[in-house]
Amino acid sequence: GKGIFIDHQVLIEPKVVLGNYTQILYGSMIGHHSIVGENCVFQRQCMLMGTNIVGNNCYFSPSVKALKERAEFGANTWIQEGIYIRRGTLENEIVSLNSGNQSRVQSVDSMNIKE
């Protein structure tokens, strides 16, 4: 894609497709065979496991860990800082510790999975 920004110390595994104007910041990792839409942002220290699909205009706040392979993240998803998420998201979903759908979401400093 065009207008992509990839910061230093970023790991992008093989067969990843990045949409136009996507930004991947310091220390992040994008897993193999993932498809990332246009105008997405992966803030510092994010992790996206392999074979995921990320829609357009998604925002992964610092230290977000998307730990499920073969998940889909709907367009316009926003994920709060420090969230470990073990599922995909719906279009326009905001994922936070205060949101309505906390299934398979936990904070970075919590070891309990909320089901």
C-alpha atoms as a PDB file:
ATOM      1  CA  GLY A   1       0.000   0.000   0.000  1.00  0.00           C
ATOM      2  CA  LYS A   2       0.970   3.642  -0.203  1.00  0.00           C
ATOM      3  CA  GLY A   3       1.686   6.009   2.668  1.00  0.00           C
ATOM      4  CA  ILE A   4       2.460   3.196   5.122  1.00  0.00           C
ATOM      5  CA  PHE A   5       4.608   4.005   8.162  1.00  0.00           C
ATOM      6  CA  ILE A   6       6.569   1.209   9.835  1.00  0.00           C
ATOM      7  CA  ASP A   7       8.574   2.295  12.891  1.00  0.00           C
ATOM      8  CA  HIS A   8      11.818   0.651  14.040  1.00  0.00           C
ATOM      9  CA  GLN A   9      11.915  -2.667  15.920  1.00  0.00           C
ATOM     10  CA  VAL A  10       8.679  -3.841  14.283  1.00  0.00           C
ATOM     11  CA  LEU A  11       8.234  -7.486  13.289  1.00  0.00           C
ATOM     12  CA  ILE A  12       6.061  -8.194  10.277  1.00  0.00           C
ATOM     13  CA  GLU A  13       5.898 -11.897   9.532  1.00  0.00           C
ATOM     14  CA  PRO A  14       5.644 -13.354   5.988  1.00  0.00           C
ATOM     15  CA  LYS A  15       2.576 -12.993   3.749  1.00  0.00           C
ATOM     16  CA  VAL A  16       1.149  -9.922   5.554  1.00  0.00           C
ATOM     17  CA  VAL A  17      -0.858  -7.413   3.496  1.00  0.00           C
ATOM     18  CA  LEU A  18      -1.028  -3.799   4.724  1.00  0.00           C
ATOM     19  CA  GLY A  19      -3.616  -1.295   3.472  1.00  0.00           C
ATOM     20  CA  ASN A  20      -2.843   2.283   2.468  1.00  0.00           C
ATOM     21  CA  TYR A  21      -1.895   4.773   5.199  1.00  0.00           C
ATOM     22  CA  THR A  22      -1.544   2.168   7.943  1.00  0.00           C
ATOM     23  CA  GLN A  23       0.894   2.918  10.796  1.00  0.00           C
ATOM     24  CA  ILE A  24       2.750   0.305  12.827  1.00  0.00           C
ATOM     25  CA  LEU A  25       4.680   1.850  15.690  1.00  0.00           C
ATOM     26  CA  TYR A  26       7.719   0.807  17.735  1.00  0.00           C
ATOM     27  CA  GLY A  27       7.951  -2.728  19.053  1.00  0.00           C
ATOM     28  CA  SER A  28       4.767  -4.066  17.455  1.00  0.00           C
ATOM     29  CA  MET A  29       4.290  -7.458  15.775  1.00  0.00           C
ATOM     30  CA  ILE A  30       1.941  -8.416  12.945  1.00  0.00           C
ATOM     31  CA  GLY A  31       1.485 -12.182  12.531  1.00  0.00           C
ATOM     32  CA  HIS A  32       1.846 -14.172   9.309  1.00  0.00           C
ATOM     33  CA  HIS A  33      -0.859 -14.166   6.630  1.00  0.00           C
ATOM     34  CA  SER A  34      -2.744 -11.271   8.289  1.00  0.00           C
ATOM     35  CA  ILE A  35      -4.605  -8.706   6.204  1.00  0.00           C
ATOM     36  CA  VAL A  36      -4.748  -5.177   7.611  1.00  0.00           C
ATOM     37  CA  GLY A  37      -7.134  -2.627   6.070  1.00  0.00           C
ATOM     38  CA  GLU A  38      -6.530   1.018   5.231  1.00  0.00           C
ATOM     39  CA  ASN A  39      -5.841   3.799   7.724  1.00  0.00           C
ATOM     40  CA  CYS A  40      -5.187   1.491  10.694  1.00  0.00           C
ATOM     41  CA  VAL A  41      -2.928   2.302  13.650  1.00  0.00           C
ATOM     42  CA  PHE A  42      -1.019  -0.178  15.802  1.00  0.00           C
ATOM     43  CA  GLN A  43       0.436   1.844  18.652  1.00  0.00           C
ATOM     44  CA  ARG A  44       3.623   0.866  20.485  1.00  0.00           C
ATOM     45  CA  GLN A  45       4.102  -2.736  21.666  1.00  0.00           C
ATOM     46  CA  CYS A  46       0.973  -4.167  19.973  1.00  0.00           C
ATOM     47  CA  MET A  47       0.690  -7.797  18.924  1.00  0.00           C
ATOM     48  CA  LEU A  48      -1.597  -9.273  16.277  1.00  0.00           C
ATOM     49  CA  MET A  49      -1.449 -13.054  15.962  1.00  0.00           C
ATOM     50  CA  GLY A  50      -1.349 -14.718  12.544  1.00  0.00           C
ATOM     51  CA  THR A  51      -4.029 -15.136   9.912  1.00  0.00           C
ATOM     52  CA  ASN A  52      -6.235 -12.285  11.164  1.00  0.00           C
ATOM     53  CA  ILE A  53      -8.273  -9.798   9.157  1.00  0.00           C
ATOM     54  CA  VAL A  54      -8.393  -6.183  10.344  1.00  0.00           C
ATOM     55  CA  GLY A  55     -10.976  -3.874   8.732  1.00  0.00           C
ATOM     56  CA  ASN A  56     -10.378  -0.256   7.721  1.00  0.00           C
ATOM     57  CA  ASN A  57      -9.868   2.533  10.276  1.00  0.00           C
ATOM     58  CA  CYS A  58      -9.024   0.302  13.254  1.00  0.00           C
ATOM     59  CA  TYR A  59      -7.062   1.604  16.233  1.00  0.00           C
ATOM     60  CA  PHE A  60      -5.061  -0.685  18.525  1.00  0.00           C
ATOM     61  CA  SER A  61      -3.935   1.385  21.543  1.00  0.00           C
ATOM     62  CA  PRO A  62      -0.480   0.845  23.125  1.00  0.00           C
ATOM     63  CA  SER A  63       0.247  -2.683  24.412  1.00  0.00           C
ATOM     64  CA  VAL A  64      -2.884  -4.303  22.944  1.00  0.00           C
ATOM     65  CA  LYS A  65      -2.406  -8.050  22.465  1.00  0.00           C
ATOM     66  CA  ALA A  66      -4.803  -9.686  19.992  1.00  0.00           C
ATOM     67  CA  LEU A  67      -4.123 -13.292  20.962  1.00  0.00           C
ATOM     68  CA  LYS A  68      -6.563 -15.247  18.776  1.00  0.00           C
ATOM     69  CA  GLU A  69      -5.565 -16.487  15.340  1.00  0.00           C
ATOM     70  CA  ARG A  70      -8.076 -16.430  12.462  1.00  0.00           C
ATOM     71  CA  ALA A  71     -10.138 -13.638  14.017  1.00  0.00           C
ATOM     72  CA  GLU A  72     -11.771 -10.723  12.241  1.00  0.00           C
ATOM     73  CA  PHE A  73     -11.662  -7.181  13.594  1.00  0.00           C
ATOM     74  CA  GLY A  74     -14.524  -5.163  12.128  1.00  0.00           C
ATOM     75  CA  ALA A  75     -14.021  -1.761  10.526  1.00  0.00           C
ATOM     76  CA  ASN A  76     -13.705   1.192  12.923  1.00  0.00           C
ATOM     77  CA  THR A  77     -12.733  -0.981  15.903  1.00  0.00           C
ATOM     78  CA  TRP A  78     -11.069   0.841  18.813  1.00  0.00           C
ATOM     79  CA  ILE A  79      -9.285  -1.172  21.524  1.00  0.00           C
ATOM     80  CA  GLN A  80      -8.288   0.394  24.860  1.00  0.00           C
ATOM     81  CA  GLU A  81      -4.672   0.468  25.977  1.00  0.00           C
ATOM     82  CA  GLY A  82      -3.301  -2.664  27.615  1.00  0.00           C
ATOM     83  CA  ILE A  83      -6.154  -4.997  26.634  1.00  0.00           C
ATOM     84  CA  TYR A  84      -5.517  -8.681  25.957  1.00  0.00           C
ATOM     85  CA  ILE A  85      -8.277  -9.798  23.587  1.00  0.00           C
ATOM     86  CA  ARG A  86      -8.952 -13.401  22.630  1.00  0.00           C
ATOM     87  CA  ARG A  87     -11.709 -12.829  20.050  1.00  0.00           C
ATOM     88  CA  GLY A  88     -12.477 -10.683  17.018  1.00  0.00           C
ATOM     89  CA  THR A  89     -14.650  -7.563  17.086  1.00  0.00           C
ATOM     90  CA  LEU A  90     -17.772  -6.269  15.407  1.00  0.00           C
ATOM     91  CA  GLU A  91     -17.812  -3.232  13.144  1.00  0.00           C
ATOM     92  CA  ASN A  92     -17.660   0.023  15.166  1.00  0.00           C
ATOM     93  CA  GLU A  93     -16.933  -1.857  18.410  1.00  0.00           C
ATOM     94  CA  ILE A  94     -15.111  -0.148  21.256  1.00  0.00           C
ATOM     95  CA  VAL A  95     -13.271  -2.674  23.422  1.00  0.00           C
ATOM     96  CA  SER A  96     -12.553  -1.470  26.946  1.00  0.00           C
ATOM     97  CA  LEU A  97     -12.860  -2.734  30.485  1.00  0.00           C
ATOM     98  CA  ASN A  98     -16.063  -0.680  30.751  1.00  0.00           C
ATOM     99  CA  SER A  99     -17.708  -1.704  27.467  1.00  0.00           C
ATOM    100  CA  GLY A 100     -20.772  -3.908  27.142  1.00  0.00           C
ATOM    101  CA  ASN A 101     -19.003  -6.926  25.639  1.00  0.00           C
ATOM    102  CA  GLN A 102     -16.126  -7.995  27.878  1.00  0.00           C
ATOM    103  CA  SER A 103     -16.119 -11.595  26.678  1.00  0.00           C
ATOM    104  CA  ARG A 104     -12.550 -12.865  26.356  1.00  0.00           C
ATOM    105  CA  VAL A 105     -11.059  -9.481  27.377  1.00  0.00           C
ATOM    106  CA  GLN A 106      -8.638  -8.833  30.218  1.00  0.00           C
ATOM    107  CA  SER A 107      -6.336  -6.030  31.282  1.00  0.00           C
ATOM    108  CA  VAL A 108      -2.591  -6.256  30.942  1.00  0.00           C
ATOM    109  CA  ASP A 109      -2.169  -6.432  34.730  1.00  0.00           C
ATOM    110  CA  SER A 110      -4.900  -9.030  35.293  1.00  0.00           C
ATOM    111  CA  MET A 111      -4.540 -12.779  34.961  1.00  0.00           C
ATOM    112  CA  ASN A 112      -8.291 -13.509  35.148  1.00  0.00           C
ATOM    113  CA  ILE A 113     -10.147 -14.003  31.868  1.00  0.00           C
ATOM    114  CA  LYS A 114     -13.615 -12.490  31.947  1.00  0.00           C
ATOM    115  CA  GLU A 115     -16.052 -14.796  30.157  1.00  0.00           C
END
